[in-house]
Amino acid sequence: MNPYYITTAIPYVNAAPHLGHALEFVQADVLARHQRLRGRPVRFLSGTDDHALKNVLAARNAGTPVAAFVDRAADRFQALQGLLDLSCDDYIRTSSDPRHRPGVEYLWQRCADAGDFYQHTYTGLYCVGCEQFYEPDALIGGVCPEHGTELERVTETNWFFRLTRYRDQIKHAITTGTLTINPPQKRNEVLALLDRGLQDFSVSRPAARAGGWGIPVPHDPSQVIYVWWDALTNYITALGVDQPGEDFQYWWAGAGERVHVIGKGITRFHAVYWIGLLLSAGLPLPTTIHVHDYVNVGGAKLSKSTGNVVDPVGLVDAYGTDAVRWWITREVPLLGDTEFTTARLIQAYNTDLANGLGNLANRTVTLLHKYYGGRLHLDDLPVIGPTWDSADLDGACAALPSSIDAALSTADFRSGTAHLVAAVNLANQLLNAAEPWKVLRNHQHLIHRLLSRVAQACRTIATELAPFCPAGAARLSTQLGDGERVAPPNPIFARLT
């Protein structure tokens, strides 16, 4: 099977991670785990963006050397791997990973050789939070549309990249399906941006302004490479792009999928700037960019810069990893911002996992042990009784893998989890219709077959649940086993209060 290479955006480390970071990490992890479940070779990369000016300013405010500040701050993001049960195969820190700087310098030289750099003095409105210049007509009420803060007027002489050369090629890649931007509404936004016309953009900053923090521009140590240029390249510097070997050829230059998972605020950088850079360097493009919207609290976007955050560490400590991952995948839609409250997190977990799947598995296993010694009656025939028929459940379970495949092909996690919940609901409805605890004496053989069929349905559900809630799914699979017996009953998803 063709390989599947998936990455998250790499966050700045100027402040602690928030739930928005957790959302992106979990979404990418679900896609990675799902592809592994289907037998595909997968490489899942994440990391941290260490060379941002905002990191320099945060270190100054803390009275700490930048390198030491960034290293400690980056540890908090890397710790989310264990906290959120992420299955990263690789992790890159742009300030300390020995693969990164040589790769950045190599890509810079490729673009220089293509004649795509020139020096230019520029005056513009700069947002440190976004690490980008804004045109006045892009502001909302005169402030940054992302952070709601006033911008700094900056005059600099920097190196610029000839992005305008690549407008038509970028558009062609998108309109021909060489590059898929998902969902379609985000694709249309990028195409509209291209139709309005592009401008060349600055790809360096004065080293003095950055406090010397960053990768020096080759042959011009007075400048450091712009943080976005630096950061975007991580997707292939981690594969050794400067020394194209087996990793780069297999994961990026071959016939597999190359997938980025990003937030909507950085779509321009990934769907336009990054594509222009790769075209200039003569390298393959990503195949898919999945764009998610924001998590809000009180109607406002989560942001380290504004202090409007929800701490994922505190959420996991209070409610567990399963609950946090389930909320992210069950409640966040494919399109549109999502309002977070702990009440919604608790309700989603209790309704679907504790009261739904957990209760279904527990009462099925309890009855199998109470009346049949924990043994299953294994066959593939529909179980038809006086008031019930397992055909709907059997069909739903048979279709479950392909239904989830279709949902996750477009990163529609809400739809994927909805198929799981639908199968659980059918199984619970079947048990409620049969009422085995009431009619077991008169239909002992039929009830044994019925409970066995529900247990087998739970096995299928546990398998397909694994990418979404790996820890809970593993506990459930252990209880259900894979042979002729199930383990003694033990509640898998404890109800939250």
Protein backbone atom coordinates (compact mmCIF):
# COMPACT_ATOMS: atom_id res chain seq x y z
CA MET A 1 0.00 0.00 0.00
CA ASN A 2 1.16 3.57 -0.70
CA PRO A 3 2.60 5.36 2.33
CA TYR A 4 0.73 8.02 4.27
CA TYR A 5 2.72 10.97 5.64
CA ILE A 6 0.82 13.29 7.96
CA THR A 7 1.90 16.41 9.84
CA THR A 8 0.49 19.00 12.19
CA ALA A 9 1.38 22.66 12.09
CA ILE A 10 4.21 23.33 14.53
CA PRO A 11 3.15 25.82 17.23
CA TYR A 12 5.04 28.74 18.67
CA VAL A 13 6.21 28.05 22.23
CA ASN A 14 5.88 31.55 23.67
CA ALA A 15 3.20 30.35 26.10
CA ALA A 16 1.60 27.13 27.34
CA PRO A 17 -0.42 24.97 24.92
CA HIS A 18 -4.20 25.31 24.84
CA LEU A 19 -7.14 23.20 23.72
CA GLY A 20 -6.83 24.45 20.13
CA HIS A 21 -3.42 22.81 19.90
CA ALA A 22 -4.83 19.61 21.40
CA LEU A 23 -7.60 19.62 18.78
CA GLU A 24 -5.13 19.66 15.89
CA PHE A 25 -2.82 17.07 17.42
CA VAL A 26 -5.71 14.69 18.11
CA GLN A 27 -7.23 15.15 14.66
CA ALA A 28 -3.93 14.29 12.99
CA ASP A 29 -3.43 11.36 15.35
CA VAL A 30 -6.86 9.94 14.51
CA LEU A 31 -6.05 10.06 10.81
CA ALA A 32 -2.66 8.43 11.41
CA ARG A 33 -4.09 5.66 13.60
CA HIS A 34 -6.93 5.05 11.16
CA GLN A 35 -4.53 4.56 8.27
CA ARG A 36 -2.40 2.20 10.34
CA LEU A 37 -5.56 0.25 11.19
CA ARG A 38 -6.13 -0.18 7.46
CA GLY A 39 -2.62 -1.54 7.03
CA ARG A 40 -0.93 1.47 5.42
CA PRO A 41 2.64 2.52 6.25
CA VAL A 42 2.29 5.77 8.23
CA ARG A 43 4.68 8.46 9.40
CA PHE A 44 3.20 11.07 11.75
CA LEU A 45 5.27 14.22 12.38
CA SER A 46 4.73 17.05 14.84
CA GLY A 47 7.04 19.49 16.57
CA THR A 48 7.57 23.08 17.69
CA ASP A 49 8.30 26.35 15.86
CA ASP A 50 11.14 27.81 17.92
CA HIS A 51 12.46 30.75 15.89
CA ALA A 52 9.48 33.11 16.19
CA LEU A 53 10.02 36.72 17.24
CA LYS A 54 7.26 36.27 19.81
CA ASN A 55 9.42 33.59 21.46
CA VAL A 56 12.25 36.11 21.68
CA LEU A 57 9.95 38.70 23.27
CA ALA A 58 8.52 36.18 25.73
CA ALA A 59 12.04 35.16 26.78
CA ARG A 60 13.00 38.80 27.31
CA ASN A 61 9.91 39.37 29.44
CA ALA A 62 10.83 36.31 31.50
CA GLY A 63 14.43 37.49 31.89
CA THR A 64 15.66 34.18 30.45
CA PRO A 65 18.09 33.43 27.61
CA VAL A 66 16.08 32.64 24.48
CA ALA A 67 17.48 29.14 23.94
CA ALA A 68 16.79 28.09 27.52
CA PHE A 69 13.31 29.64 27.47
CA VAL A 70 12.40 27.92 24.19
CA ASP A 71 13.74 24.55 25.33
CA ARG A 72 11.67 24.57 28.53
CA ALA A 73 8.58 25.89 26.75
CA ALA A 74 8.88 23.28 23.99
CA ASP A 75 8.93 20.53 26.62
CA ARG A 76 5.32 21.44 27.52
CA PHE A 77 4.18 20.86 23.96
CA GLN A 78 6.09 17.62 23.57
CA ALA A 79 4.56 16.36 26.84
CA LEU A 80 1.14 16.45 25.12
CA GLN A 81 2.15 13.31 23.23
CA GLY A 82 1.76 11.20 26.34
CA LEU A 83 -1.07 13.23 27.81
CA LEU A 84 -3.27 12.97 24.69
CA ASP A 85 -2.14 9.48 23.69
CA LEU A 86 -0.59 10.67 20.43
CA SER A 87 1.22 8.21 18.17
CA CYS A 88 3.86 10.51 16.66
CA ASP A 89 6.58 8.71 14.74
CA ASP A 90 8.79 11.79 14.63
CA TYR A 91 9.06 15.12 16.43
CA ILE A 92 11.11 18.13 15.37
CA ARG A 93 12.21 21.23 17.26
CA THR A 94 13.38 23.79 14.75
CA SER A 95 16.00 25.37 17.02
CA SER A 96 17.74 22.20 18.17
CA ASP A 97 17.06 19.33 15.76
CA PRO A 98 20.28 18.74 13.78
CA ARG A 99 18.27 17.92 10.63
CA HIS A 100 16.55 21.28 10.40
CA ARG A 101 19.11 24.01 9.67
CA PRO A 102 20.92 22.12 6.86
CA GLY A 103 17.55 21.43 5.24
CA VAL A 104 16.49 25.08 5.47
CA GLU A 105 19.77 26.25 3.97
CA TYR A 106 19.46 23.69 1.17
CA LEU A 107 15.95 24.87 0.26
CA TRP A 108 17.01 28.51 0.41
CA GLN A 109 19.81 27.79 -2.04
CA ARG A 110 17.45 25.91 -4.39
CA CYS A 111 15.16 28.94 -4.52
CA ALA A 112 18.13 31.30 -4.88
CA ASP A 113 19.39 29.25 -7.81
CA ALA A 114 15.95 29.65 -9.39
CA GLY A 115 16.36 33.45 -9.19
CA ASP A 116 13.46 33.88 -6.78
CA PHE A 117 15.05 36.20 -4.16
CA TYR A 118 15.69 39.95 -4.29
CA GLN A 119 16.31 42.64 -1.69
CA HIS A 120 13.65 45.25 -1.03
CA THR A 121 12.98 47.98 1.50
CA TYR A 122 9.46 47.70 2.82
CA THR A 123 7.24 49.62 5.21
CA GLY A 124 4.16 47.87 6.52
CA LEU A 125 1.94 46.95 9.44
CA TYR A 126 3.35 43.97 11.32
CA CYS A 127 1.62 41.67 13.81
CA VAL A 128 4.06 39.87 16.08
CA GLY A 129 1.32 37.41 17.07
CA CYS A 130 0.84 36.30 13.46
CA GLU A 131 4.47 36.93 12.48
CA GLN A 132 3.31 38.62 9.29
CA PHE A 133 2.72 41.97 7.58
CA TYR A 134 -0.89 42.96 6.84
CA GLU A 135 -2.31 45.19 4.15
CA PRO A 136 -4.56 47.91 5.67
CA ASP A 137 -7.67 46.53 3.97
CA ALA A 138 -7.12 43.15 5.66
CA LEU A 139 -7.54 44.65 9.13
CA ILE A 140 -10.80 44.64 11.05
CA GLY A 141 -11.44 47.95 12.74
CA GLY A 142 -7.80 48.78 12.30
CA VAL A 143 -6.56 45.83 14.32
CA CYS A 144 -5.25 42.32 13.58
CA PRO A 145 -8.11 40.06 12.44
CA GLU A 146 -6.61 37.13 14.37
CA HIS A 147 -5.60 38.73 17.66
CA GLY A 148 -7.58 41.97 17.84
CA THR A 149 -4.36 43.88 18.59
CA GLU A 150 -2.88 47.01 17.06
CA LEU A 151 -0.10 46.45 14.55
CA GLU A 152 3.40 47.86 14.58
CA ARG A 153 4.54 49.99 11.63
CA VAL A 154 7.87 48.54 10.55
CA THR A 155 10.37 49.63 7.90
CA GLU A 156 12.90 46.95 6.94
CA THR A 157 15.23 46.00 4.12
CA ASN A 158 14.76 42.27 3.68
CA TRP A 159 15.03 39.49 1.16
CA PHE A 160 11.79 38.94 -0.75
CA PHE A 161 10.53 35.82 -2.52
CA ARG A 162 9.00 36.09 -6.02
CA LEU A 163 5.69 34.46 -5.09
CA THR A 164 3.96 36.23 -7.98
CA ARG A 165 5.85 33.98 -10.40
CA TYR A 166 3.96 30.97 -9.12
CA ARG A 167 0.36 32.17 -8.92
CA ASP A 168 -0.80 30.31 -12.03
CA GLN A 169 1.02 27.10 -11.07
CA ILE A 170 -0.47 27.18 -7.58
CA LYS A 171 -3.95 27.69 -8.99
CA HIS A 172 -3.43 24.88 -11.50
CA ALA A 173 -2.35 22.49 -8.72
CA ILE A 174 -5.54 23.25 -6.79
CA THR A 175 -8.00 23.22 -9.68
CA THR A 176 -6.63 19.98 -11.15
CA GLY A 177 -6.71 18.11 -7.84
CA THR A 178 -2.94 17.79 -7.57
CA LEU A 179 -3.44 19.58 -4.26
CA THR A 180 -6.70 19.00 -2.39
CA ILE A 181 -7.76 21.64 0.14
CA ASN A 182 -10.47 20.37 2.43
CA PRO A 183 -13.24 21.28 3.15
CA PRO A 184 -14.26 22.75 -0.24
CA GLN A 185 -15.15 26.11 1.31
CA LYS A 186 -11.49 26.58 2.31
CA ARG A 187 -10.40 25.61 -1.21
CA ASN A 188 -12.70 28.29 -2.61
CA GLU A 189 -11.23 30.88 -0.24
CA VAL A 190 -7.73 30.10 -1.48
CA LEU A 191 -8.82 30.30 -5.11
CA ALA A 192 -10.47 33.66 -4.42
CA LEU A 193 -7.22 34.87 -2.86
CA LEU A 194 -5.30 33.79 -5.95
CA ASP A 195 -7.82 35.49 -8.23
CA ARG A 196 -7.35 38.78 -6.37
CA GLY A 197 -3.64 38.56 -7.13
CA LEU A 198 -0.56 37.81 -5.04
CA GLN A 199 2.31 39.91 -3.82
CA ASP A 200 5.90 38.88 -3.25
CA PHE A 201 6.61 38.49 0.46
CA SER A 202 9.51 39.06 2.81
CA VAL A 203 11.43 35.90 3.69
CA SER A 204 14.00 37.37 6.05
CA ARG A 205 14.24 39.73 9.01
CA PRO A 206 17.13 41.87 10.31
CA ALA A 207 19.18 39.75 12.69
CA ALA A 208 19.40 42.72 15.06
CA ARG A 209 15.61 42.92 15.36
CA ALA A 210 15.42 39.19 16.07
CA GLY A 211 18.17 39.41 18.67
CA GLY A 212 20.25 37.07 16.54
CA TRP A 213 17.71 34.30 17.09
CA GLY A 214 17.05 32.24 13.99
CA ILE A 215 18.86 30.72 11.03
CA PRO A 216 21.15 33.22 9.24
CA VAL A 217 20.42 33.87 5.58
CA PRO A 218 23.12 32.10 3.56
CA HIS A 219 25.76 34.64 2.47
CA ASP A 220 24.02 37.45 4.42
CA PRO A 221 24.48 37.07 8.19
CA SER A 222 22.88 40.49 8.78
CA GLN A 223 19.53 38.77 8.16
CA VAL A 224 17.82 35.71 9.62
CA ILE A 225 15.37 33.59 7.68
CA TYR A 226 11.74 34.59 8.23
CA VAL A 227 10.08 32.34 10.75
CA TRP A 228 7.37 31.15 8.36
CA TRP A 229 9.91 30.11 5.73
CA ASP A 230 11.88 28.39 8.47
CA ALA A 231 8.83 26.68 9.98
CA LEU A 232 7.13 25.46 6.82
CA THR A 233 10.22 23.60 5.72
CA ASN A 234 10.08 21.34 8.78
CA TYR A 235 7.79 18.98 6.89
CA ILE A 236 10.70 17.94 4.69
CA THR A 237 13.76 18.90 6.73
CA ALA A 238 12.60 16.15 9.09
CA LEU A 239 12.94 13.76 6.14
CA GLY A 240 16.48 14.87 5.29
CA VAL A 241 15.65 16.90 2.18
CA ASP A 242 19.23 18.20 1.93
CA GLN A 243 20.56 14.65 1.62
CA PRO A 244 17.73 12.92 -0.26
CA GLY A 245 17.84 9.39 1.00
CA GLU A 246 15.35 6.66 1.69
CA ASP A 247 13.10 8.68 4.03
CA PHE A 248 12.66 11.63 1.69
CA GLN A 249 12.17 9.47 -1.38
CA TYR A 250 9.67 7.17 0.33
CA TRP A 251 7.56 9.64 2.29
CA TRP A 252 7.70 12.80 0.13
CA ALA A 253 8.94 12.07 -3.38
CA GLY A 254 7.05 8.82 -3.94
CA ALA A 255 3.50 7.85 -4.80
CA GLY A 256 2.01 8.15 -1.31
CA GLU A 257 -0.19 10.77 0.33
CA ARG A 258 1.36 13.86 1.94
CA VAL A 259 -1.15 15.40 4.33
CA HIS A 260 -1.05 18.59 6.42
CA VAL A 261 -3.54 19.28 9.23
CA ILE A 262 -3.72 23.01 10.01
CA GLY A 263 -5.92 25.74 11.47
CA LYS A 264 -7.76 28.20 9.24
CA GLY A 265 -5.62 31.16 10.32
CA ILE A 266 -2.56 29.77 8.54
CA THR A 267 -4.20 28.52 5.35
CA ARG A 268 -2.50 31.21 3.24
CA PHE A 269 0.94 30.13 4.42
CA HIS A 270 0.36 26.45 3.67
CA ALA A 271 -1.81 26.60 0.55
CA VAL A 272 0.03 29.48 -1.15
CA TYR A 273 3.43 30.37 0.35
CA TRP A 274 4.51 26.76 0.99
CA ILE A 275 3.36 25.66 -2.44
CA GLY A 276 5.27 28.52 -4.07
CA LEU A 277 8.42 27.60 -2.14
CA LEU A 278 8.21 23.96 -3.24
CA LEU A 279 7.55 24.91 -6.85
CA SER A 280 10.57 27.21 -6.81
CA ALA A 281 12.74 24.46 -5.31
CA GLY A 282 11.44 21.95 -7.85
CA LEU A 283 10.07 19.56 -5.23
CA PRO A 284 6.78 17.59 -4.98
CA LEU A 285 3.77 19.26 -3.38
CA PRO A 286 1.63 17.99 -0.52
CA THR A 287 -1.41 16.08 -1.74
CA THR A 288 -3.93 17.24 0.88
CA ILE A 289 -4.36 20.11 3.32
CA HIS A 290 -7.10 19.55 5.91
CA VAL A 291 -8.16 22.89 7.44
CA HIS A 292 -9.99 23.04 10.75
CA ASP A 293 -11.75 26.00 12.30
CA TYR A 294 -11.28 27.34 15.82
CA VAL A 295 -12.27 26.41 19.33
CA ASN A 296 -13.97 29.32 21.09
CA VAL A 297 -14.70 30.05 24.72
CA GLY A 298 -17.29 32.69 25.44
CA GLY A 299 -17.48 33.39 21.71
CA ALA A 300 -13.78 34.28 21.43
CA LYS A 301 -11.00 32.27 19.77
CA LEU A 302 -8.56 30.49 22.04
CA SER A 303 -5.26 32.35 21.86
CA LYS A 304 -2.04 32.34 23.85
CA SER A 305 -1.54 35.98 22.90
CA THR A 306 -4.84 37.17 24.36
CA GLY A 307 -4.81 34.81 27.34
CA ASN A 308 -8.15 33.25 26.34
CA VAL A 309 -7.11 29.61 26.83
CA VAL A 310 -8.36 26.24 28.03
CA ASP A 311 -5.59 24.11 29.49
CA PRO A 312 -5.60 20.58 27.99
CA VAL A 313 -3.44 19.31 30.86
CA GLY A 314 -6.07 20.38 33.38
CA LEU A 315 -8.86 18.86 31.27
CA VAL A 316 -7.12 15.49 31.06
CA ASP A 317 -6.31 15.55 34.77
CA ALA A 318 -9.96 16.24 35.58
CA TYR A 319 -11.80 14.14 32.99
CA GLY A 320 -9.33 11.77 31.35
CA THR A 321 -7.82 11.43 27.88
CA ASP A 322 -10.78 9.49 26.48
CA ALA A 323 -13.19 12.30 27.34
CA VAL A 324 -11.00 15.02 25.80
CA ARG A 325 -10.33 13.06 22.61
CA TRP A 326 -14.00 12.12 22.31
CA TRP A 327 -15.14 15.75 22.63
CA ILE A 328 -12.64 16.83 19.97
CA THR A 329 -13.77 14.18 17.50
CA ARG A 330 -17.46 13.99 18.37
CA GLU A 331 -18.37 17.65 18.86
CA VAL A 332 -16.15 19.64 16.49
CA PRO A 333 -17.78 20.00 13.04
CA LEU A 334 -15.99 19.89 9.72
CA LEU A 335 -16.79 23.55 9.15
CA GLY A 336 -17.39 26.35 11.63
CA ASP A 337 -15.98 27.35 15.00
CA THR A 338 -16.91 25.31 18.07
CA GLU A 339 -17.84 26.66 21.49
CA PHE A 340 -16.22 24.70 24.30
CA THR A 341 -17.61 24.15 27.77
CA THR A 342 -16.76 21.44 30.28
CA ALA A 343 -20.48 20.66 30.51
CA ARG A 344 -20.51 19.75 26.80
CA LEU A 345 -17.40 17.62 27.20
CA ILE A 346 -18.99 15.71 30.10
CA GLN A 347 -22.30 15.32 28.29
CA ALA A 348 -20.69 13.96 25.12
CA TYR A 349 -18.63 11.44 27.07
CA ASN A 350 -21.43 10.30 29.35
CA THR A 351 -24.04 10.05 26.59
CA ASP A 352 -21.97 8.21 24.01
CA LEU A 353 -19.31 6.32 25.96
CA ALA A 354 -20.45 5.80 29.55
CA ASN A 355 -24.21 5.40 29.02
CA GLY A 356 -24.00 4.25 25.40
CA LEU A 357 -21.12 1.95 24.52
CA GLY A 358 -19.96 1.30 28.08
CA ASN A 359 -23.42 0.31 29.30
CA LEU A 360 -24.02 -1.82 26.19
CA ALA A 361 -20.81 -3.80 26.64
CA ASN A 362 -21.21 -4.16 30.40
CA ARG A 363 -24.73 -5.53 30.39
CA THR A 364 -23.97 -7.85 27.46
CA VAL A 365 -20.88 -9.29 29.13
CA THR A 366 -22.71 -9.52 32.48
CA LEU A 367 -25.51 -11.61 30.97
CA LEU A 368 -23.08 -13.80 29.05
CA HIS A 369 -21.23 -14.59 32.26
CA LYS A 370 -24.32 -14.98 34.40
CA TYR A 371 -26.07 -17.47 32.12
CA TYR A 372 -23.50 -18.84 29.65
CA GLY A 373 -20.19 -18.91 31.49
CA GLY A 374 -18.80 -16.08 29.39
CA ARG A 375 -18.91 -18.23 26.24
CA LEU A 376 -20.05 -16.95 22.87
CA HIS A 377 -22.20 -18.69 20.30
CA LEU A 378 -20.35 -17.83 17.10
CA ASP A 379 -22.14 -17.81 13.76
CA ASP A 380 -22.83 -15.33 10.99
CA LEU A 381 -26.58 -15.78 10.64
CA PRO A 382 -29.08 -13.07 11.60
CA VAL A 383 -30.68 -13.66 14.99
CA ILE A 384 -34.46 -13.42 14.73
CA GLY A 385 -36.66 -13.71 17.80
CA PRO A 386 -40.25 -13.03 18.82
CA THR A 387 -39.78 -9.23 18.91
CA TRP A 388 -36.40 -8.58 17.42
CA ASP A 389 -34.18 -9.01 14.37
CA SER A 390 -30.41 -8.42 14.35
CA ALA A 391 -30.25 -7.68 10.60
CA ASP A 392 -30.04 -3.88 11.02
CA LEU A 393 -27.22 -4.18 13.54
CA ASP A 394 -25.42 -6.77 11.43
CA GLY A 395 -25.61 -4.49 8.39
CA ALA A 396 -24.44 -1.43 10.29
CA CYS A 397 -21.41 -3.30 11.67
CA ALA A 398 -20.53 -4.71 8.27
CA ALA A 399 -20.66 -1.20 6.77
CA LEU A 400 -18.92 0.53 9.69
CA PRO A 401 -15.32 0.38 8.37
CA SER A 402 -16.21 1.74 4.94
CA SER A 403 -18.46 4.42 6.48
CA ILE A 404 -15.62 5.63 8.69
CA ASP A 405 -13.19 5.44 5.76
CA ALA A 406 -15.43 7.80 3.80
CA ALA A 407 -15.82 10.24 6.70
CA LEU A 408 -12.11 10.41 7.53
CA SER A 409 -11.10 10.78 3.90
CA THR A 410 -12.39 14.34 4.27
CA ALA A 411 -11.34 14.67 7.94
CA ASP A 412 -15.00 14.69 8.98
CA PHE A 413 -14.44 13.37 12.50
CA ARG A 414 -17.95 14.22 13.62
CA SER A 415 -19.41 12.05 10.87
CA GLY A 416 -16.99 9.23 11.70
CA THR A 417 -17.97 9.16 15.35
CA ALA A 418 -21.64 9.45 14.38
CA HIS A 419 -21.38 6.09 12.57
CA LEU A 420 -19.95 4.55 15.75
CA VAL A 421 -22.73 5.99 17.88
CA ALA A 422 -25.37 4.80 15.39
CA ALA A 423 -24.07 1.22 15.66
CA VAL A 424 -24.09 1.43 19.47
CA ASN A 425 -27.65 2.75 19.43
CA LEU A 426 -28.82 -0.09 17.18
CA ALA A 427 -27.27 -2.64 19.53
CA ASN A 428 -28.87 -1.05 22.58
CA GLN A 429 -32.23 -0.91 20.80
CA LEU A 430 -31.91 -4.58 19.93
CA LEU A 431 -31.30 -5.52 23.56
CA ASN A 432 -34.12 -3.31 24.75
CA ALA A 433 -36.52 -4.89 22.25
CA ALA A 434 -35.49 -8.45 23.14
CA GLU A 435 -35.40 -7.88 26.95
CA PRO A 436 -33.24 -10.99 27.42
CA TRP A 437 -33.41 -10.72 31.20
CA LYS A 438 -37.16 -11.34 30.95
CA VAL A 439 -37.47 -14.02 28.26
CA LEU A 440 -34.26 -15.98 28.74
CA ARG A 441 -36.06 -18.99 30.30
CA ASN A 442 -38.22 -19.53 27.20
CA HIS A 443 -35.61 -18.61 24.56
CA GLN A 444 -32.30 -19.63 26.08
CA HIS A 445 -30.61 -20.66 22.82
CA LEU A 446 -31.87 -17.63 20.92
CA ILE A 447 -30.80 -15.27 23.71
CA HIS A 448 -27.33 -16.84 23.73
CA ARG A 449 -27.02 -16.18 20.01
CA LEU A 450 -28.40 -12.67 20.43
CA LEU A 451 -25.98 -11.72 23.22
CA SER A 452 -23.12 -13.23 21.25
CA ARG A 453 -24.07 -11.20 18.21
CA VAL A 454 -24.14 -7.99 20.30
CA ALA A 455 -20.75 -8.89 21.79
CA GLN A 456 -19.35 -9.36 18.28
CA ALA A 457 -20.83 -5.99 17.31
CA CYS A 458 -19.05 -4.45 20.30
CA ARG A 459 -15.80 -6.01 19.08
CA THR A 460 -16.23 -4.32 15.71
CA ILE A 461 -17.09 -1.03 17.38
CA ALA A 462 -14.05 -1.30 19.68
CA THR A 463 -11.78 -1.86 16.68
CA GLU A 464 -13.15 1.16 14.81
CA LEU A 465 -13.14 3.27 17.99
CA ALA A 466 -9.40 2.74 18.48
CA PRO A 467 -8.21 5.71 16.37
CA PHE A 468 -10.56 8.05 18.26
CA CYS A 469 -10.11 6.78 21.84
CA PRO A 470 -7.19 4.34 21.80
CA ALA A 471 -6.99 3.75 25.55
CA GLY A 472 -10.71 3.14 26.06
CA ALA A 473 -10.93 1.01 22.93
CA ALA A 474 -8.00 -1.11 24.13
CA ARG A 475 -9.70 -1.72 27.51
CA LEU A 476 -12.91 -2.68 25.74
CA SER A 477 -11.13 -5.01 23.31
CA THR A 478 -9.35 -6.71 26.21
CA GLN A 479 -12.66 -7.34 27.95
CA LEU A 480 -14.37 -8.63 24.81
CA GLY A 481 -11.45 -10.77 23.65
CA ASP A 482 -11.25 -12.18 20.14
CA GLY A 483 -12.21 -15.83 20.60
CA GLU A 484 -15.05 -17.83 22.12
CA ARG A 485 -15.03 -16.16 25.53
CA VAL A 486 -15.36 -12.71 27.00
CA ALA A 487 -13.68 -11.56 30.20
CA PRO A 488 -15.72 -10.95 33.38
CA PRO A 489 -17.68 -7.67 33.43
CA ASN A 490 -15.79 -4.55 34.42
CA PRO A 491 -17.06 -1.04 33.59
CA ILE A 492 -14.90 0.40 30.82
CA PHE A 493 -16.09 4.01 30.67
CA ALA A 494 -16.81 5.36 34.14
CA ARG A 495 -19.48 8.03 34.24
CA LEU A 496 -18.21 11.58 34.74
CA THR A 497 -19.75 14.05 37.16
